[in-house]
Amino acid sequence: MPATPVTEYTGVIPEKREITTVPRFSDKVFRFVVTSGGFTALIILSLIAIFLLLEGLPVFRDQGIKFVTGFDWNAGDPENGVAATFGIGAMLIGTLV
């Protein structure tokens, strides 16, 4: 394959733009949209965390900290007086591993 010779560019060369540190309108709009999206995500995550905390409190009142550290999952038998015990320790370890 023969090499093609390099020719000088003869078209119109645009003028150099001045570099400024003042943000343009589009930069301000972009920053506002991105910042709003970030704060919206944080608010939604906070609301989810509050919901989970409020809905999970009865479990911790009933089972205590053994719910997180325990490995038993027994629905119990109310007719024979066997209390229900639940623990998610094995699930947490499995998730971490």
N, C-alpha and C. Protein backbone atom coordinates (compact mmCIF):
# COMPACT_ATOMS: atom_id res chain seq x y z
N MET A 1 0.85 -1.16 0.00
CA MET A 1 0.00 0.00 0.00
C MET A 1 0.91 1.24 0.00
N PRO A 2 0.79 2.07 -1.01
CA PRO A 2 1.67 3.25 -1.07
C PRO A 2 1.24 4.30 -0.05
N ALA A 3 2.23 5.00 0.47
CA ALA A 3 1.97 6.07 1.44
C ALA A 3 1.48 7.31 0.72
N THR A 4 0.51 7.99 1.33
CA THR A 4 0.02 9.23 0.73
C THR A 4 0.77 10.40 1.35
N PRO A 5 1.13 11.36 0.54
CA PRO A 5 1.88 12.50 1.08
C PRO A 5 0.98 13.38 1.96
N VAL A 6 1.58 13.96 2.98
CA VAL A 6 0.86 14.85 3.89
C VAL A 6 0.86 16.24 3.28
N THR A 7 -0.33 16.81 3.18
CA THR A 7 -0.43 18.15 2.61
C THR A 7 -0.80 19.14 3.70
N GLU A 8 -0.44 20.36 3.51
CA GLU A 8 -0.73 21.43 4.47
C GLU A 8 -2.22 21.75 4.43
N TYR A 9 -2.81 22.02 5.60
CA TYR A 9 -4.23 22.37 5.69
C TYR A 9 -4.41 23.78 5.15
N THR A 10 -5.33 23.90 4.19
CA THR A 10 -5.54 25.21 3.56
C THR A 10 -6.89 25.80 3.89
N GLY A 11 -7.66 25.16 4.78
CA GLY A 11 -8.99 25.65 5.14
C GLY A 11 -8.91 26.83 6.11
N VAL A 12 -10.08 27.24 6.56
CA VAL A 12 -10.18 28.37 7.48
C VAL A 12 -9.89 27.86 8.90
N ILE A 13 -8.98 28.49 9.58
CA ILE A 13 -8.65 28.13 10.96
C ILE A 13 -9.44 29.06 11.88
N PRO A 14 -10.25 28.49 12.80
CA PRO A 14 -11.04 29.34 13.69
C PRO A 14 -10.14 30.11 14.65
N GLU A 15 -10.67 31.24 15.10
CA GLU A 15 -9.92 32.05 16.06
C GLU A 15 -9.83 31.33 17.39
N LYS A 16 -8.75 31.58 18.11
CA LYS A 16 -8.59 30.98 19.43
C LYS A 16 -9.58 31.62 20.39
N ARG A 17 -10.19 30.77 21.22
CA ARG A 17 -11.14 31.29 22.21
C ARG A 17 -10.42 31.67 23.48
N GLU A 18 -10.94 32.66 24.13
CA GLU A 18 -10.37 33.10 25.40
C GLU A 18 -10.82 32.14 26.50
N ILE A 19 -9.89 31.70 27.31
CA ILE A 19 -10.21 30.81 28.42
C ILE A 19 -10.57 31.66 29.63
N THR A 20 -11.77 31.41 30.16
CA THR A 20 -12.23 32.18 31.32
C THR A 20 -12.59 31.22 32.45
N THR A 21 -12.60 31.74 33.64
CA THR A 21 -13.02 30.94 34.79
C THR A 21 -14.45 31.23 35.19
N VAL A 22 -15.10 32.14 34.52
CA VAL A 22 -16.49 32.48 34.81
C VAL A 22 -17.37 31.42 34.15
N PRO A 23 -18.20 30.72 34.93
CA PRO A 23 -19.05 29.69 34.34
C PRO A 23 -20.13 30.30 33.43
N ARG A 24 -20.37 29.58 32.33
CA ARG A 24 -21.43 30.01 31.42
C ARG A 24 -22.78 29.57 31.97
N PHE A 25 -23.84 30.02 31.32
CA PHE A 25 -25.20 29.69 31.75
C PHE A 25 -25.42 28.17 31.72
N SER A 26 -24.94 27.52 30.68
CA SER A 26 -25.12 26.07 30.57
C SER A 26 -24.38 25.34 31.69
N ASP A 27 -23.22 25.86 32.11
CA ASP A 27 -22.50 25.26 33.23
C ASP A 27 -23.31 25.38 34.52
N LYS A 28 -23.94 26.52 34.70
CA LYS A 28 -24.75 26.74 35.90
C LYS A 28 -25.97 25.82 35.91
N VAL A 29 -26.60 25.66 34.75
CA VAL A 29 -27.76 24.77 34.65
C VAL A 29 -27.34 23.33 34.94
N PHE A 30 -26.22 22.89 34.35
CA PHE A 30 -25.74 21.53 34.57
C PHE A 30 -25.43 21.30 36.05
N ARG A 31 -24.75 22.25 36.67
CA ARG A 31 -24.41 22.11 38.08
C ARG A 31 -25.68 22.03 38.93
N PHE A 32 -26.69 22.85 38.62
CA PHE A 32 -27.95 22.82 39.36
C PHE A 32 -28.65 21.47 39.22
N VAL A 33 -28.70 20.95 37.98
CA VAL A 33 -29.37 19.67 37.74
C VAL A 33 -28.66 18.54 38.48
N VAL A 34 -27.34 18.50 38.39
CA VAL A 34 -26.58 17.43 39.05
C VAL A 34 -26.69 17.54 40.57
N THR A 35 -26.58 18.74 41.10
CA THR A 35 -26.69 18.94 42.55
C THR A 35 -28.09 18.57 43.04
N SER A 36 -29.11 18.97 42.30
CA SER A 36 -30.49 18.63 42.68
C SER A 36 -30.69 17.12 42.67
N GLY A 37 -30.16 16.46 41.65
CA GLY A 37 -30.27 15.00 41.59
C GLY A 37 -29.57 14.32 42.76
N GLY A 38 -28.40 14.82 43.12
CA GLY A 38 -27.68 14.25 44.25
C GLY A 38 -28.42 14.42 45.56
N PHE A 39 -28.94 15.62 45.80
CA PHE A 39 -29.69 15.85 47.03
C PHE A 39 -30.99 15.05 47.05
N THR A 40 -31.63 14.91 45.89
CA THR A 40 -32.85 14.10 45.82
C THR A 40 -32.56 12.65 46.17
N ALA A 41 -31.46 12.12 45.65
CA ALA A 41 -31.07 10.74 45.97
C ALA A 41 -30.80 10.59 47.47
N LEU A 42 -30.11 11.55 48.07
CA LEU A 42 -29.84 11.49 49.51
C LEU A 42 -31.12 11.55 50.33
N ILE A 43 -32.06 12.38 49.92
CA ILE A 43 -33.34 12.49 50.64
C ILE A 43 -34.11 11.18 50.54
N ILE A 44 -34.15 10.60 49.34
CA ILE A 44 -34.87 9.33 49.16
C ILE A 44 -34.23 8.22 49.99
N LEU A 45 -32.90 8.13 49.98
CA LEU A 45 -32.22 7.12 50.78
C LEU A 45 -32.47 7.33 52.28
N SER A 46 -32.50 8.58 52.70
CA SER A 46 -32.79 8.87 54.11
C SER A 46 -34.20 8.44 54.49
N LEU A 47 -35.16 8.72 53.61
CA LEU A 47 -36.54 8.31 53.88
C LEU A 47 -36.67 6.79 53.92
N ILE A 48 -35.95 6.08 53.05
CA ILE A 48 -35.97 4.61 53.07
C ILE A 48 -35.39 4.11 54.39
N ALA A 49 -34.27 4.70 54.82
CA ALA A 49 -33.64 4.28 56.08
C ALA A 49 -34.57 4.52 57.26
N ILE A 50 -35.25 5.66 57.29
CA ILE A 50 -36.18 5.96 58.38
C ILE A 50 -37.34 4.96 58.37
N PHE A 51 -37.87 4.67 57.19
CA PHE A 51 -38.97 3.71 57.08
C PHE A 51 -38.54 2.33 57.59
N LEU A 52 -37.36 1.87 57.16
CA LEU A 52 -36.89 0.56 57.60
C LEU A 52 -36.64 0.52 59.11
N LEU A 53 -36.12 1.61 59.64
CA LEU A 53 -35.88 1.67 61.08
C LEU A 53 -37.19 1.61 61.85
N LEU A 54 -38.17 2.40 61.44
CA LEU A 54 -39.45 2.42 62.14
C LEU A 54 -40.19 1.09 62.03
N GLU A 55 -40.13 0.48 60.85
CA GLU A 55 -40.83 -0.80 60.66
C GLU A 55 -40.08 -1.96 61.31
N GLY A 56 -38.78 -1.81 61.52
CA GLY A 56 -37.99 -2.89 62.12
C GLY A 56 -37.90 -2.84 63.63
N LEU A 57 -38.29 -1.73 64.24
CA LEU A 57 -38.22 -1.61 65.70
C LEU A 57 -39.01 -2.69 66.45
N PRO A 58 -40.21 -3.06 66.01
CA PRO A 58 -40.93 -4.12 66.73
C PRO A 58 -40.17 -5.45 66.77
N VAL A 59 -39.42 -5.75 65.73
CA VAL A 59 -38.64 -6.99 65.71
C VAL A 59 -37.56 -6.94 66.78
N PHE A 60 -36.87 -5.81 66.89
CA PHE A 60 -35.81 -5.70 67.89
C PHE A 60 -36.38 -5.66 69.30
N ARG A 61 -37.58 -5.11 69.47
CA ARG A 61 -38.21 -5.13 70.79
C ARG A 61 -38.57 -6.56 71.20
N ASP A 62 -39.01 -7.35 70.24
CA ASP A 62 -39.43 -8.72 70.52
C ASP A 62 -38.24 -9.68 70.61
N GLN A 63 -37.32 -9.62 69.65
CA GLN A 63 -36.22 -10.59 69.57
C GLN A 63 -34.92 -10.09 70.21
N GLY A 64 -34.76 -8.78 70.32
CA GLY A 64 -33.52 -8.24 70.88
C GLY A 64 -32.39 -8.27 69.85
N ILE A 65 -31.17 -8.09 70.35
CA ILE A 65 -30.01 -8.07 69.46
C ILE A 65 -29.71 -9.46 68.90
N LYS A 66 -30.30 -10.50 69.52
CA LYS A 66 -30.10 -11.85 69.01
C LYS A 66 -30.68 -12.01 67.60
N PHE A 67 -31.54 -11.09 67.21
CA PHE A 67 -32.05 -11.16 65.84
C PHE A 67 -30.92 -10.98 64.83
N VAL A 68 -29.95 -10.14 65.14
CA VAL A 68 -28.83 -9.89 64.23
C VAL A 68 -27.73 -10.92 64.43
N THR A 69 -27.47 -11.32 65.67
CA THR A 69 -26.34 -12.22 65.94
C THR A 69 -26.73 -13.69 65.98
N GLY A 70 -28.01 -13.99 66.08
CA GLY A 70 -28.44 -15.38 66.20
C GLY A 70 -28.44 -16.13 64.88
N PHE A 71 -28.36 -17.47 65.00
CA PHE A 71 -28.35 -18.33 63.82
C PHE A 71 -29.59 -19.21 63.74
N ASP A 72 -30.46 -19.13 64.71
CA ASP A 72 -31.67 -19.97 64.73
C ASP A 72 -32.79 -19.29 63.95
N TRP A 73 -33.55 -20.12 63.26
CA TRP A 73 -34.75 -19.63 62.59
C TRP A 73 -35.84 -20.66 62.89
N ASN A 74 -36.60 -20.39 63.96
CA ASN A 74 -37.59 -21.34 64.44
C ASN A 74 -38.91 -20.61 64.60
N ALA A 75 -39.90 -21.04 63.84
CA ALA A 75 -41.21 -20.39 63.89
C ALA A 75 -41.94 -20.69 65.19
N GLY A 76 -41.46 -21.66 65.94
CA GLY A 76 -42.07 -21.97 67.23
C GLY A 76 -43.36 -22.77 67.07
N ASP A 77 -43.91 -23.12 68.20
CA ASP A 77 -45.16 -23.86 68.24
C ASP A 77 -45.99 -23.33 69.40
N PRO A 78 -46.88 -22.37 69.12
CA PRO A 78 -47.65 -21.76 70.21
C PRO A 78 -48.52 -22.75 70.98
N GLU A 79 -48.96 -23.83 70.34
CA GLU A 79 -49.81 -24.81 71.02
C GLU A 79 -49.04 -25.56 72.10
N ASN A 80 -47.74 -25.78 71.88
CA ASN A 80 -46.92 -26.51 72.85
C ASN A 80 -46.05 -25.58 73.69
N GLY A 81 -46.24 -24.28 73.54
CA GLY A 81 -45.50 -23.32 74.35
C GLY A 81 -44.08 -23.04 73.88
N VAL A 82 -43.76 -23.39 72.64
CA VAL A 82 -42.42 -23.12 72.11
C VAL A 82 -42.45 -21.75 71.45
N ALA A 83 -41.61 -20.85 71.97
CA ALA A 83 -41.60 -19.48 71.45
C ALA A 83 -40.83 -19.41 70.13
N ALA A 84 -41.24 -18.48 69.31
CA ALA A 84 -40.56 -18.29 68.02
C ALA A 84 -39.26 -17.53 68.25
N THR A 85 -38.19 -17.99 67.61
CA THR A 85 -36.90 -17.29 67.66
C THR A 85 -36.39 -17.15 66.23
N PHE A 86 -35.91 -15.97 65.94
CA PHE A 86 -35.41 -15.70 64.60
C PHE A 86 -34.05 -15.03 64.70
N GLY A 87 -33.14 -15.41 63.80
CA GLY A 87 -31.81 -14.80 63.75
C GLY A 87 -31.32 -14.76 62.32
N ILE A 88 -30.71 -13.67 61.95
CA ILE A 88 -30.22 -13.53 60.57
C ILE A 88 -28.69 -13.53 60.51
N GLY A 89 -28.04 -14.02 61.56
CA GLY A 89 -26.58 -14.05 61.59
C GLY A 89 -25.98 -14.83 60.44
N ALA A 90 -26.53 -16.00 60.14
CA ALA A 90 -26.01 -16.82 59.04
C ALA A 90 -26.19 -16.11 57.71
N MET A 91 -27.31 -15.43 57.54
CA MET A 91 -27.55 -14.70 56.29
C MET A 91 -26.58 -13.53 56.14
N LEU A 92 -26.29 -12.85 57.24
CA LEU A 92 -25.35 -11.73 57.18
C LEU A 92 -23.94 -12.22 56.84
N ILE A 93 -23.52 -13.32 57.47
CA ILE A 93 -22.19 -13.87 57.16
C ILE A 93 -22.14 -14.33 55.72
N GLY A 94 -23.18 -14.98 55.25
CA GLY A 94 -23.23 -15.41 53.85
C GLY A 94 -23.17 -14.24 52.89
N THR A 95 -23.79 -13.14 53.24
CA THR A 95 -23.76 -11.95 52.40
C THR A 95 -22.36 -11.35 52.37
N LEU A 96 -21.70 -11.31 53.52
CA LEU A 96 -20.36 -10.72 53.59
C LEU A 96 -19.32 -11.58 52.89
N VAL A 97 -19.50 -12.90 52.95
CA VAL A 97 -18.53 -13.80 52.31
C VAL A 97 -18.85 -13.85 50.84
